Amino acid sequence: MRHSRSASRFGTIKPVSGFRLCAVLIAGLAIAGCSGLESKLDDIMGNDAAAPPSASDTGSFEDTTPVGTLYNKGLDHMKVGEYKKAAKQFDEVERLHPYSTWATRSTLMVSYAHYQRNAYTDSINAAERFIQLHPGNKDVAYAYYLRGLSYYEQIGDTERDQSNTQKALESLEEVGRRFPDSRYARDAEAKAVLARDQLAGTEMRVGRYYLKRYAYVAAINRFKTVVKDYQTTSHTPEALLRLTEAYYALGIRSEAQTAAALLGHNFPNSQWYNDAYRLLRTGGLEPQVNNESWLAKTWRNATGSG
């Protein structure tokens, strides 16, 4: 899936668009970057290295090709969008000068170059190599962020396998957890919101499938996952309605009443609640919370409310 680009640390990044929830979030929470690719490349090299190495910088003594020549050539490829050639050039820096400072920086540049050309597996591998080799590096937060973005770019629709969505969510949440004060945390959380919504949407799709085929227990398990694991997503109101429907169909009235009551308390103006209320009234029932219900307990644990 190809996406539009917005400013990033190295130049441009490609946020996912098209999810129906929070489509505006990406535009509002995009990471601010400096103007000009060179200044963004300087960012990774640190305040102590405002310019790339000189061509005379030879790195380790046993190498004949100067590290400066290799690294600068990689930068040249980056500046004109030749990301595959750039990745290969930075790989050479790592291979020929493995103990130089520029090899460390090149590992992250390799990840970014692969990300820019949509070679996400290669980008993830390079980012993970950087994380493993340099866990205390000042730029490790960006490596975590790049890994999350590379999984995020591979999110498909709810009809497809969601393993990349799950990995994207875990990676993006890790950015916020490990580096809450970093410049990437806010954007990572915005994208994590979309990933959660995507996963919840998949559960809803499967749950509806079972519900239409009167497989009520299987449907309940799917809607239960939405309420328990993705309660803050846009799918929660519908999940509560579908739980009301499924439990009502099974004759488990107290659970149906509890689902409808929580729906009415938290989303009183939604059409989902109107539908749940009408359904209960056909059987002479009213929305009412059973405090011993798994649903009531789950809701209290998650929100501190009944």
C-alpha atoms as a PDB file:
ATOM      1  CA  MET A   1       0.000   0.000   0.000  1.00  0.00           C
ATOM      2  CA  ARG A   2       1.457   3.348  -1.017  1.00  0.00           C
ATOM      3  CA  HIS A   3       0.893   6.351   1.215  1.00  0.00           C
ATOM      4  CA  SER A   4       1.408  10.111   1.211  1.00  0.00           C
ATOM      5  CA  ARG A   5       4.459  11.581   2.885  1.00  0.00           C
ATOM      6  CA  SER A   6       4.991  13.943   5.801  1.00  0.00           C
ATOM      7  CA  ALA A   7       8.066  15.415   7.444  1.00  0.00           C
ATOM      8  CA  SER A   8      10.383  13.157   9.422  1.00  0.00           C
ATOM      9  CA  ARG A   9      13.775  13.179  10.964  1.00  0.00           C
ATOM     10  CA  PHE A  10      15.679  12.154   7.833  1.00  0.00           C
ATOM     11  CA  GLY A  11      13.504  13.731   5.210  1.00  0.00           C
ATOM     12  CA  THR A  12      10.054  12.260   4.704  1.00  0.00           C
ATOM     13  CA  ILE A  13       8.014   9.483   6.210  1.00  0.00           C
ATOM     14  CA  LYS A  14       4.853   7.898   4.909  1.00  0.00           C
ATOM     15  CA  PRO A  15       1.933   7.809   7.334  1.00  0.00           C
ATOM     16  CA  VAL A  16      -0.928   5.425   6.664  1.00  0.00           C
ATOM     17  CA  SER A  17      -4.102   7.125   5.515  1.00  0.00           C
ATOM     18  CA  GLY A  18      -7.564   5.817   4.829  1.00  0.00           C
ATOM     19  CA  PHE A  19      -8.556   4.289   8.151  1.00  0.00           C
ATOM     20  CA  ARG A  20     -11.961   5.615   9.049  1.00  0.00           C
ATOM     21  CA  LEU A  21     -11.018   6.332  12.667  1.00  0.00           C
ATOM     22  CA  CYS A  22      -8.783   9.316  13.408  1.00  0.00           C
ATOM     23  CA  ALA A  23      -7.762  10.000   9.829  1.00  0.00           C
ATOM     24  CA  VAL A  24      -7.061  13.557  10.904  1.00  0.00           C
ATOM     25  CA  LEU A  25      -4.780  12.457  13.738  1.00  0.00           C
ATOM     26  CA  ILE A  26      -1.811  11.806  11.506  1.00  0.00           C
ATOM     27  CA  ALA A  27      -1.918  15.284  10.027  1.00  0.00           C
ATOM     28  CA  GLY A  28      -2.368  16.826  13.456  1.00  0.00           C
ATOM     29  CA  LEU A  29       0.275  14.769  15.219  1.00  0.00           C
ATOM     30  CA  ALA A  30       2.947  14.462  12.524  1.00  0.00           C
ATOM     31  CA  ILE A  31       6.478  14.887  13.785  1.00  0.00           C
ATOM     32  CA  ALA A  32       7.946  18.272  13.013  1.00  0.00           C
ATOM     33  CA  GLY A  33      11.203  18.176  11.079  1.00  0.00           C
ATOM     34  CA  CYS A  34      13.897  20.592   9.956  1.00  0.00           C
ATOM     35  CA  SER A  35      13.868  21.966   6.439  1.00  0.00           C
ATOM     36  CA  GLY A  36      16.270  20.413   3.947  1.00  0.00           C
ATOM     37  CA  LEU A  37      17.419  16.808   3.799  1.00  0.00           C
ATOM     38  CA  GLU A  38      20.945  17.685   4.874  1.00  0.00           C
ATOM     39  CA  SER A  39      19.802  19.128   8.207  1.00  0.00           C
ATOM     40  CA  LYS A  40      17.728  16.017   8.874  1.00  0.00           C
ATOM     41  CA  LEU A  41      20.684  13.791   8.109  1.00  0.00           C
ATOM     42  CA  ASP A  42      22.784  15.896  10.463  1.00  0.00           C
ATOM     43  CA  ASP A  43      20.250  15.102  13.166  1.00  0.00           C
ATOM     44  CA  ILE A  44      21.239  11.452  13.339  1.00  0.00           C
ATOM     45  CA  MET A  45      24.933  12.307  13.318  1.00  0.00           C
ATOM     46  CA  GLY A  46      24.599  14.313  16.490  1.00  0.00           C
ATOM     47  CA  ASN A  47      25.496  17.835  17.502  1.00  0.00           C
ATOM     48  CA  ASP A  48      29.133  16.896  17.552  1.00  0.00           C
ATOM     49  CA  ALA A  49      29.132  15.994  13.864  1.00  0.00           C
ATOM     50  CA  ALA A  50      27.390  18.702  11.886  1.00  0.00           C
ATOM     51  CA  ALA A  51      29.036  17.517   8.669  1.00  0.00           C
ATOM     52  CA  PRO A  52      29.701  14.065   7.201  1.00  0.00           C
ATOM     53  CA  PRO A  53      33.227  12.658   7.430  1.00  0.00           C
ATOM     54  CA  SER A  54      35.910  14.008   5.191  1.00  0.00           C
ATOM     55  CA  ALA A  55      37.069  11.832   2.320  1.00  0.00           C
ATOM     56  CA  SER A  56      40.443  11.530   4.019  1.00  0.00           C
ATOM     57  CA  ASP A  57      38.925   9.865   7.081  1.00  0.00           C
ATOM     58  CA  THR A  58      40.152   6.298   6.644  1.00  0.00           C
ATOM     59  CA  GLY A  59      38.481   4.670   9.630  1.00  0.00           C
ATOM     60  CA  SER A  60      40.256   1.519  10.750  1.00  0.00           C
ATOM     61  CA  PHE A  61      43.861   1.301   9.531  1.00  0.00           C
ATOM     62  CA  GLU A  62      43.518  -2.004   7.680  1.00  0.00           C
ATOM     63  CA  ASP A  63      40.888  -0.699   5.266  1.00  0.00           C
ATOM     64  CA  THR A  64      41.989   0.882   2.007  1.00  0.00           C
ATOM     65  CA  THR A  65      38.729   2.643   1.083  1.00  0.00           C
ATOM     66  CA  PRO A  66      38.291   5.748   3.258  1.00  0.00           C
ATOM     67  CA  VAL A  67      35.165   5.674   5.418  1.00  0.00           C
ATOM     68  CA  GLY A  68      34.511   9.278   4.437  1.00  0.00           C
ATOM     69  CA  THR A  69      34.318   8.378   0.752  1.00  0.00           C
ATOM     70  CA  LEU A  70      31.898   5.528   1.409  1.00  0.00           C
ATOM     71  CA  TYR A  71      29.660   7.435   3.799  1.00  0.00           C
ATOM     72  CA  ASN A  72      29.524  10.588   1.685  1.00  0.00           C
ATOM     73  CA  LYS A  73      28.565   8.569  -1.354  1.00  0.00           C
ATOM     74  CA  GLY A  74      25.711   7.075   0.664  1.00  0.00           C
ATOM     75  CA  LEU A  75      24.554  10.564   1.591  1.00  0.00           C
ATOM     76  CA  ASP A  76      24.690  11.631  -2.037  1.00  0.00           C
ATOM     77  CA  HIS A  77      22.413   8.749  -3.005  1.00  0.00           C
ATOM     78  CA  MET A  78      20.023   9.643  -0.188  1.00  0.00           C
ATOM     79  CA  LYS A  79      19.769  13.253  -1.313  1.00  0.00           C
ATOM     80  CA  VAL A  80      18.570  12.297  -4.785  1.00  0.00           C
ATOM     81  CA  GLY A  81      16.243   9.513  -3.643  1.00  0.00           C
ATOM     82  CA  GLU A  82      18.429   6.582  -4.702  1.00  0.00           C
ATOM     83  CA  TYR A  83      17.637   4.649  -1.560  1.00  0.00           C
ATOM     84  CA  LYS A  84      18.642   1.183  -2.725  1.00  0.00           C
ATOM     85  CA  LYS A  85      22.086   2.451  -3.710  1.00  0.00           C
ATOM     86  CA  ALA A  86      22.306   4.403  -0.449  1.00  0.00           C
ATOM     87  CA  ALA A  87      21.530   1.287   1.602  1.00  0.00           C
ATOM     88  CA  LYS A  88      24.204  -0.657  -0.251  1.00  0.00           C
ATOM     89  CA  GLN A  89      26.733   2.116   0.327  1.00  0.00           C
ATOM     90  CA  PHE A  90      26.038   2.319   4.050  1.00  0.00           C
ATOM     91  CA  ASP A  91      26.277  -1.468   4.228  1.00  0.00           C
ATOM     92  CA  GLU A  92      29.792  -1.078   2.849  1.00  0.00           C
ATOM     93  CA  VAL A  93      30.639   1.350   5.647  1.00  0.00           C
ATOM     94  CA  GLU A  94      29.550  -1.288   8.167  1.00  0.00           C
ATOM     95  CA  ARG A  95      31.420  -4.066   6.391  1.00  0.00           C
ATOM     96  CA  LEU A  96      34.720  -2.279   5.793  1.00  0.00           C
ATOM     97  CA  HIS A  97      34.823  -0.095   8.897  1.00  0.00           C
ATOM     98  CA  PRO A  98      32.885  -2.066  11.539  1.00  0.00           C
ATOM     99  CA  TYR A  99      34.553  -0.368  14.505  1.00  0.00           C
ATOM    100  CA  SER A 100      34.157   3.224  13.374  1.00  0.00           C
ATOM    101  CA  THR A 101      31.580   5.688  14.655  1.00  0.00           C
ATOM    102  CA  TRP A 102      30.267   5.944  11.113  1.00  0.00           C
ATOM    103  CA  ALA A 103      29.465   2.224  11.034  1.00  0.00           C
ATOM    104  CA  THR A 104      27.089   2.728  13.955  1.00  0.00           C
ATOM    105  CA  ARG A 105      25.391   5.599  12.179  1.00  0.00           C
ATOM    106  CA  SER A 106      25.310   3.693   8.921  1.00  0.00           C
ATOM    107  CA  THR A 107      23.274   0.866  10.454  1.00  0.00           C
ATOM    108  CA  LEU A 108      20.439   3.262  11.154  1.00  0.00           C
ATOM    109  CA  MET A 109      20.837   4.907   7.761  1.00  0.00           C
ATOM    110  CA  VAL A 110      20.473   1.477   6.148  1.00  0.00           C
ATOM    111  CA  SER A 111      17.191   0.983   7.994  1.00  0.00           C
ATOM    112  CA  TYR A 112      15.897   4.374   6.909  1.00  0.00           C
ATOM    113  CA  ALA A 113      16.968   3.901   3.281  1.00  0.00           C
ATOM    114  CA  HIS A 114      15.170   0.551   3.080  1.00  0.00           C
ATOM    115  CA  TYR A 115      12.095   2.070   4.709  1.00  0.00           C
ATOM    116  CA  GLN A 116      12.027   4.828   2.114  1.00  0.00           C
ATOM    117  CA  ARG A 117      12.001   2.293  -0.734  1.00  0.00           C
ATOM    118  CA  ASN A 118       9.275   0.215   0.953  1.00  0.00           C
ATOM    119  CA  ALA A 119      11.647  -2.699   1.647  1.00  0.00           C
ATOM    120  CA  TYR A 120      10.129  -3.081   5.084  1.00  0.00           C
ATOM    121  CA  THR A 121      11.617  -6.421   6.079  1.00  0.00           C
ATOM    122  CA  ASP A 122      15.117  -5.115   5.343  1.00  0.00           C
ATOM    123  CA  SER A 123      14.348  -1.932   7.268  1.00  0.00           C
ATOM    124  CA  ILE A 124      13.107  -3.912  10.272  1.00  0.00           C
ATOM    125  CA  ASN A 125      16.162  -6.164  10.230  1.00  0.00           C
ATOM    126  CA  ALA A 126      18.540  -3.185  10.151  1.00  0.00           C
ATOM    127  CA  ALA A 127      16.619  -1.385  12.915  1.00  0.00           C
ATOM    128  CA  GLU A 128      16.680  -4.489  15.111  1.00  0.00           C
ATOM    129  CA  ARG A 129      20.396  -4.914  14.453  1.00  0.00           C
ATOM    130  CA  PHE A 130      20.957  -1.344  15.634  1.00  0.00           C
ATOM    131  CA  ILE A 131      18.835  -1.933  18.747  1.00  0.00           C
ATOM    132  CA  GLN A 132      20.729  -5.109  19.627  1.00  0.00           C
ATOM    133  CA  LEU A 133      24.197  -3.699  18.981  1.00  0.00           C
ATOM    134  CA  HIS A 134      23.670  -0.189  20.358  1.00  0.00           C
ATOM    135  CA  PRO A 135      20.944  -0.285  23.037  1.00  0.00           C
ATOM    136  CA  GLY A 136      22.353   2.764  24.798  1.00  0.00           C
ATOM    137  CA  ASN A 137      22.906   4.901  21.702  1.00  0.00           C
ATOM    138  CA  LYS A 138      21.288   8.331  21.676  1.00  0.00           C
ATOM    139  CA  ASP A 139      19.454   7.417  18.461  1.00  0.00           C
ATOM    140  CA  VAL A 140      18.046   4.082  19.606  1.00  0.00           C
ATOM    141  CA  ALA A 141      14.576   5.641  20.057  1.00  0.00           C
ATOM    142  CA  TYR A 142      14.516   6.343  16.340  1.00  0.00           C
ATOM    143  CA  ALA A 143      15.451   2.738  15.591  1.00  0.00           C
ATOM    144  CA  TYR A 144      12.453   1.550  17.598  1.00  0.00           C
ATOM    145  CA  TYR A 145      10.293   4.098  15.808  1.00  0.00           C
ATOM    146  CA  LEU A 146      11.505   3.030  12.356  1.00  0.00           C
ATOM    147  CA  ARG A 147      10.755  -0.583  13.192  1.00  0.00           C
ATOM    148  CA  GLY A 148       7.235   0.361  14.231  1.00  0.00           C
ATOM    149  CA  LEU A 149       6.701   2.406  11.069  1.00  0.00           C
ATOM    150  CA  SER A 150       7.876  -0.459   8.889  1.00  0.00           C
ATOM    151  CA  TYR A 151       5.283  -2.791  10.402  1.00  0.00           C
ATOM    152  CA  TYR A 152       2.674  -0.026  10.302  1.00  0.00           C
ATOM    153  CA  GLU A 153       3.127   0.543   6.573  1.00  0.00           C
ATOM    154  CA  GLN A 154       2.206  -3.093   5.968  1.00  0.00           C
ATOM    155  CA  ILE A 155      -1.205  -2.898   7.613  1.00  0.00           C
ATOM    156  CA  GLY A 156      -3.860  -4.121   5.208  1.00  0.00           C
ATOM    157  CA  ASP A 157      -7.651  -4.037   5.450  1.00  0.00           C
ATOM    158  CA  THR A 158      -9.622  -6.111   7.949  1.00  0.00           C
ATOM    159  CA  GLU A 159     -10.058  -8.899   5.399  1.00  0.00           C
ATOM    160  CA  ARG A 160      -6.353  -9.723   5.522  1.00  0.00           C
ATOM    161  CA  ASP A 161      -4.026 -11.319   8.029  1.00  0.00           C
ATOM    162  CA  GLN A 162      -3.414  -8.898  10.886  1.00  0.00           C
ATOM    163  CA  SER A 163      -0.051 -10.166  12.133  1.00  0.00           C
ATOM    164  CA  ASN A 164       1.707  -7.021  10.907  1.00  0.00           C
ATOM    165  CA  THR A 165      -0.949  -4.895  12.591  1.00  0.00           C
ATOM    166  CA  GLN A 166      -0.287  -6.652  15.888  1.00  0.00           C
ATOM    167  CA  LYS A 167       3.469  -6.229  15.469  1.00  0.00           C
ATOM    168  CA  ALA A 168       2.993  -2.573  14.553  1.00  0.00           C
ATOM    169  CA  LEU A 169       0.901  -1.993  17.672  1.00  0.00           C
ATOM    170  CA  GLU A 170       3.436  -3.700  19.933  1.00  0.00           C
ATOM    171  CA  SER A 171       6.365  -1.820  18.380  1.00  0.00           C
ATOM    172  CA  LEU A 172       4.661   1.573  18.467  1.00  0.00           C
ATOM    173  CA  GLU A 173       3.543   1.070  22.063  1.00  0.00           C
ATOM    174  CA  GLU A 174       7.130   0.177  22.938  1.00  0.00           C
ATOM    175  CA  VAL A 175       8.283   3.559  21.616  1.00  0.00           C
ATOM    176  CA  GLY A 176       5.906   5.356  23.979  1.00  0.00           C
ATOM    177  CA  ARG A 177       6.735   3.069  26.885  1.00  0.00           C
ATOM    178  CA  ARG A 178      10.517   3.228  26.544  1.00  0.00           C
ATOM    179  CA  PHE A 179      10.861   6.771  25.273  1.00  0.00           C
ATOM    180  CA  PRO A 180       7.852   8.765  26.506  1.00  0.00           C
ATOM    181  CA  ASP A 181       9.719  12.075  26.251  1.00  0.00           C
ATOM    182  CA  SER A 182      11.129  11.484  22.782  1.00  0.00           C
ATOM    183  CA  ARG A 183      10.024  13.388  19.710  1.00  0.00           C
ATOM    184  CA  TYR A 184       8.569  10.147  18.329  1.00  0.00           C
ATOM    185  CA  ALA A 185       6.295   9.141  21.214  1.00  0.00           C
ATOM    186  CA  ARG A 186       3.333  11.281  20.233  1.00  0.00           C
ATOM    187  CA  ASP A 187       3.261  10.174  16.612  1.00  0.00           C
ATOM    188  CA  ALA A 188       3.791   6.558  17.635  1.00  0.00           C
ATOM    189  CA  GLU A 189       0.762   6.723  19.914  1.00  0.00           C
ATOM    190  CA  ALA A 190      -1.368   8.283  17.157  1.00  0.00           C
ATOM    191  CA  LYS A 191      -0.490   5.396  14.878  1.00  0.00           C
ATOM    192  CA  ALA A 192      -1.041   2.893  17.689  1.00  0.00           C
ATOM    193  CA  VAL A 193      -4.609   4.226  17.979  1.00  0.00           C
ATOM    194  CA  LEU A 194      -5.189   3.335  14.343  1.00  0.00           C
ATOM    195  CA  ALA A 195      -3.584  -0.080  14.757  1.00  0.00           C
ATOM    196  CA  ARG A 196      -5.847  -0.870  17.721  1.00  0.00           C
ATOM    197  CA  ASP A 197      -8.880   0.206  15.736  1.00  0.00           C
ATOM    198  CA  GLN A 198      -7.791  -2.031  12.875  1.00  0.00           C
ATOM    199  CA  LEU A 199      -7.461  -5.049  15.161  1.00  0.00           C
ATOM    200  CA  ALA A 200     -10.823  -4.317  16.768  1.00  0.00           C
ATOM    201  CA  GLY A 201     -12.372  -3.980  13.318  1.00  0.00           C
ATOM    202  CA  THR A 202     -11.136  -7.431  12.401  1.00  0.00           C
ATOM    203  CA  GLU A 203     -12.697  -8.922  15.541  1.00  0.00           C
ATOM    204  CA  MET A 204     -15.970  -7.171  14.720  1.00  0.00           C
ATOM    205  CA  ARG A 205     -15.993  -8.466  11.158  1.00  0.00           C
ATOM    206  CA  VAL A 206     -15.526 -12.060  12.305  1.00  0.00           C
ATOM    207  CA  GLY A 207     -18.034 -11.616  15.120  1.00  0.00           C
ATOM    208  CA  ARG A 208     -20.692 -10.339  12.724  1.00  0.00           C
ATOM    209  CA  TYR A 209     -20.024 -13.325  10.479  1.00  0.00           C
ATOM    210  CA  TYR A 210     -20.743 -15.729  13.344  1.00  0.00           C
ATOM    211  CA  LEU A 211     -23.737 -13.733  14.538  1.00  0.00           C
ATOM    212  CA  LYS A 212     -25.407 -13.888  11.128  1.00  0.00           C
ATOM    213  CA  ARG A 213     -24.974 -17.653  11.172  1.00  0.00           C
ATOM    214  CA  TYR A 214     -26.430 -17.994  14.681  1.00  0.00           C
ATOM    215  CA  ALA A 215     -23.087 -19.129  16.100  1.00  0.00           C
ATOM    216  CA  TYR A 216     -23.718 -17.010  19.168  1.00  0.00           C
ATOM    217  CA  VAL A 217     -20.988 -18.286  21.472  1.00  0.00           C
ATOM    218  CA  ALA A 218     -18.320 -17.802  18.804  1.00  0.00           C
ATOM    219  CA  ALA A 219     -19.681 -14.330  18.095  1.00  0.00           C
ATOM    220  CA  ILE A 220     -19.695 -13.418  21.793  1.00  0.00           C
ATOM    221  CA  ASN A 221     -16.030 -14.383  22.101  1.00  0.00           C
ATOM    222  CA  ARG A 222     -15.113 -11.954  19.306  1.00  0.00           C
ATOM    223  CA  PHE A 223     -17.160  -9.072  20.692  1.00  0.00           C
ATOM    224  CA  LYS A 224     -15.804  -9.830  24.156  1.00  0.00           C
ATOM    225  CA  THR A 225     -12.255  -9.333  22.819  1.00  0.00           C
ATOM    226  CA  VAL A 226     -13.192  -5.882  21.523  1.00  0.00           C
ATOM    227  CA  VAL A 227     -14.635  -4.833  24.886  1.00  0.00           C
ATOM    228  CA  LYS A 228     -11.747  -6.278  26.910  1.00  0.00           C
ATOM    229  CA  ASP A 229      -8.727  -5.492  24.746  1.00  0.00           C
ATOM    230  CA  TYR A 230      -9.797  -2.588  22.511  1.00  0.00           C
ATOM    231  CA  GLN A 231     -12.237  -0.727  24.713  1.00  0.00           C
ATOM    232  CA  THR A 232     -11.032   2.736  23.657  1.00  0.00           C
ATOM    233  CA  THR A 233     -11.636   2.142  19.945  1.00  0.00           C
ATOM    234  CA  SER A 234     -14.590   3.302  17.870  1.00  0.00           C
ATOM    235  CA  HIS A 235     -15.927  -0.263  17.689  1.00  0.00           C
ATOM    236  CA  THR A 236     -16.870  -0.591  21.356  1.00  0.00           C
ATOM    237  CA  PRO A 237     -20.450   0.763  21.092  1.00  0.00           C
ATOM    238  CA  GLU A 238     -21.341  -1.684  18.339  1.00  0.00           C
ATOM    239  CA  ALA A 239     -19.636  -4.525  20.213  1.00  0.00           C
ATOM    240  CA  LEU A 240     -21.902  -3.839  23.211  1.00  0.00           C
ATOM    241  CA  LEU A 241     -24.970  -3.895  20.965  1.00  0.00           C
ATOM    242  CA  ARG A 242     -23.894  -7.186  19.378  1.00  0.00           C
ATOM    243  CA  LEU A 243     -23.329  -8.668  22.831  1.00  0.00           C
ATOM    244  CA  THR A 244     -26.838  -7.571  23.746  1.00  0.00           C
ATOM    245  CA  GLU A 245     -28.184  -9.295  20.631  1.00  0.00           C
ATOM    246  CA  ALA A 246     -26.207 -12.505  21.102  1.00  0.00           C
ATOM    247  CA  TYR A 247     -26.991 -12.915  24.802  1.00  0.00           C
ATOM    248  CA  TYR A 248     -30.650 -12.085  24.209  1.00  0.00           C
ATOM    249  CA  ALA A 249     -30.821 -14.730  21.477  1.00  0.00           C
ATOM    250  CA  LEU A 250     -29.312 -17.292  23.870  1.00  0.00           C
ATOM    251  CA  GLY A 251     -31.790 -16.349  26.590  1.00  0.00           C
ATOM    252  CA  ILE A 252     -29.062 -15.055  28.926  1.00  0.00           C
ATOM    253  CA  ARG A 253     -31.063 -12.022  29.919  1.00  0.00           C
ATOM    254  CA  SER A 254     -28.859 -10.586  32.670  1.00  0.00           C
ATOM    255  CA  GLU A 255     -25.843 -10.364  30.356  1.00  0.00           C
ATOM    256  CA  ALA A 256     -27.948  -8.804  27.605  1.00  0.00           C
ATOM    257  CA  GLN A 257     -29.288  -6.256  30.075  1.00  0.00           C
ATOM    258  CA  THR A 258     -25.808  -5.497  31.368  1.00  0.00           C
ATOM    259  CA  ALA A 259     -24.396  -4.933  27.877  1.00  0.00           C
ATOM    260  CA  ALA A 260     -27.276  -2.610  27.015  1.00  0.00           C
ATOM    261  CA  ALA A 261     -26.938  -0.721  30.314  1.00  0.00           C
ATOM    262  CA  LEU A 262     -23.229  -0.105  29.813  1.00  0.00           C
ATOM    263  CA  LEU A 263     -23.929   0.978  26.268  1.00  0.00           C
ATOM    264  CA  GLY A 264     -26.590   3.418  27.445  1.00  0.00           C
ATOM    265  CA  HIS A 265     -24.440   4.794  30.251  1.00  0.00           C
ATOM    266  CA  ASN A 266     -21.359   5.378  28.118  1.00  0.00           C
ATOM    267  CA  PHE A 267     -22.887   6.064  24.689  1.00  0.00           C
ATOM    268  CA  PRO A 268     -26.409   7.296  25.441  1.00  0.00           C
ATOM    269  CA  ASN A 269     -26.900   9.176  22.181  1.00  0.00           C
ATOM    270  CA  SER A 270     -25.714   6.443  19.848  1.00  0.00           C
ATOM    271  CA  GLN A 271     -27.919   4.529  17.459  1.00  0.00           C
ATOM    272  CA  TRP A 272     -26.361   1.362  18.854  1.00  0.00           C
ATOM    273  CA  TYR A 273     -27.996   2.077  22.219  1.00  0.00           C
ATOM    274  CA  ASN A 274     -31.348   2.850  20.629  1.00  0.00           C
ATOM    275  CA  ASP A 275     -31.235  -0.525  18.877  1.00  0.00           C
ATOM    276  CA  ALA A 276     -30.234  -2.355  22.072  1.00  0.00           C
ATOM    277  CA  TYR A 277     -32.979  -0.653  24.069  1.00  0.00           C
ATOM    278  CA  ARG A 278     -35.659  -1.533  21.513  1.00  0.00           C
ATOM    279  CA  LEU A 279     -34.510  -5.146  21.442  1.00  0.00           C
ATOM    280  CA  LEU A 280     -34.796  -5.517  25.200  1.00  0.00           C
ATOM    281  CA  ARG A 281     -38.200  -3.847  25.264  1.00  0.00           C
ATOM    282  CA  THR A 282     -39.551  -6.456  22.840  1.00  0.00           C
ATOM    283  CA  GLY A 283     -39.049  -8.947  25.658  1.00  0.00           C
ATOM    284  CA  GLY A 284     -40.291  -6.628  28.383  1.00  0.00           C
ATOM    285  CA  LEU A 285     -36.774  -6.001  29.705  1.00  0.00           C
ATOM    286  CA  GLU A 286     -34.896  -2.868  30.708  1.00  0.00           C
ATOM    287  CA  PRO A 287     -31.142  -2.185  30.578  1.00  0.00           C
ATOM    288  CA  GLN A 288     -29.763  -3.088  33.998  1.00  0.00           C
ATOM    289  CA  VAL A 289     -26.236  -3.820  35.228  1.00  0.00           C
ATOM    290  CA  ASN A 290     -25.553  -7.138  36.894  1.00  0.00           C
ATOM    291  CA  ASN A 291     -22.475  -6.378  38.983  1.00  0.00           C
ATOM    292  CA  GLU A 292     -21.426 -10.036  38.897  1.00  0.00           C
ATOM    293  CA  SER A 293     -21.310 -10.067  35.114  1.00  0.00           C
ATOM    294  CA  TRP A 294     -17.893 -10.495  33.484  1.00  0.00           C
ATOM    295  CA  LEU A 295     -18.796  -7.481  31.394  1.00  0.00           C
ATOM    296  CA  ALA A 296     -19.457  -5.229  34.383  1.00  0.00           C
ATOM    297  CA  LYS A 297     -16.247  -6.379  36.071  1.00  0.00           C
ATOM    298  CA  THR A 298     -14.225  -5.846  32.899  1.00  0.00           C
ATOM    299  CA  TRP A 299     -15.638  -2.371  32.466  1.00  0.00           C
ATOM    300  CA  ARG A 300     -14.952  -1.392  36.076  1.00  0.00           C
ATOM    301  CA  ASN A 301     -11.377  -2.630  35.850  1.00  0.00           C
ATOM    302  CA  ALA A 302     -10.736  -0.713  32.665  1.00  0.00           C
ATOM    303  CA  THR A 303     -12.487   2.557  33.454  1.00  0.00           C
ATOM    304  CA  GLY A 304     -13.126   2.622  37.176  1.00  0.00           C
ATOM    305  CA  SER A 305     -16.819   3.090  36.458  1.00  0.00           C
ATOM    306  CA  GLY A 306     -19.897   0.917  36.310  1.00  0.00           C
END
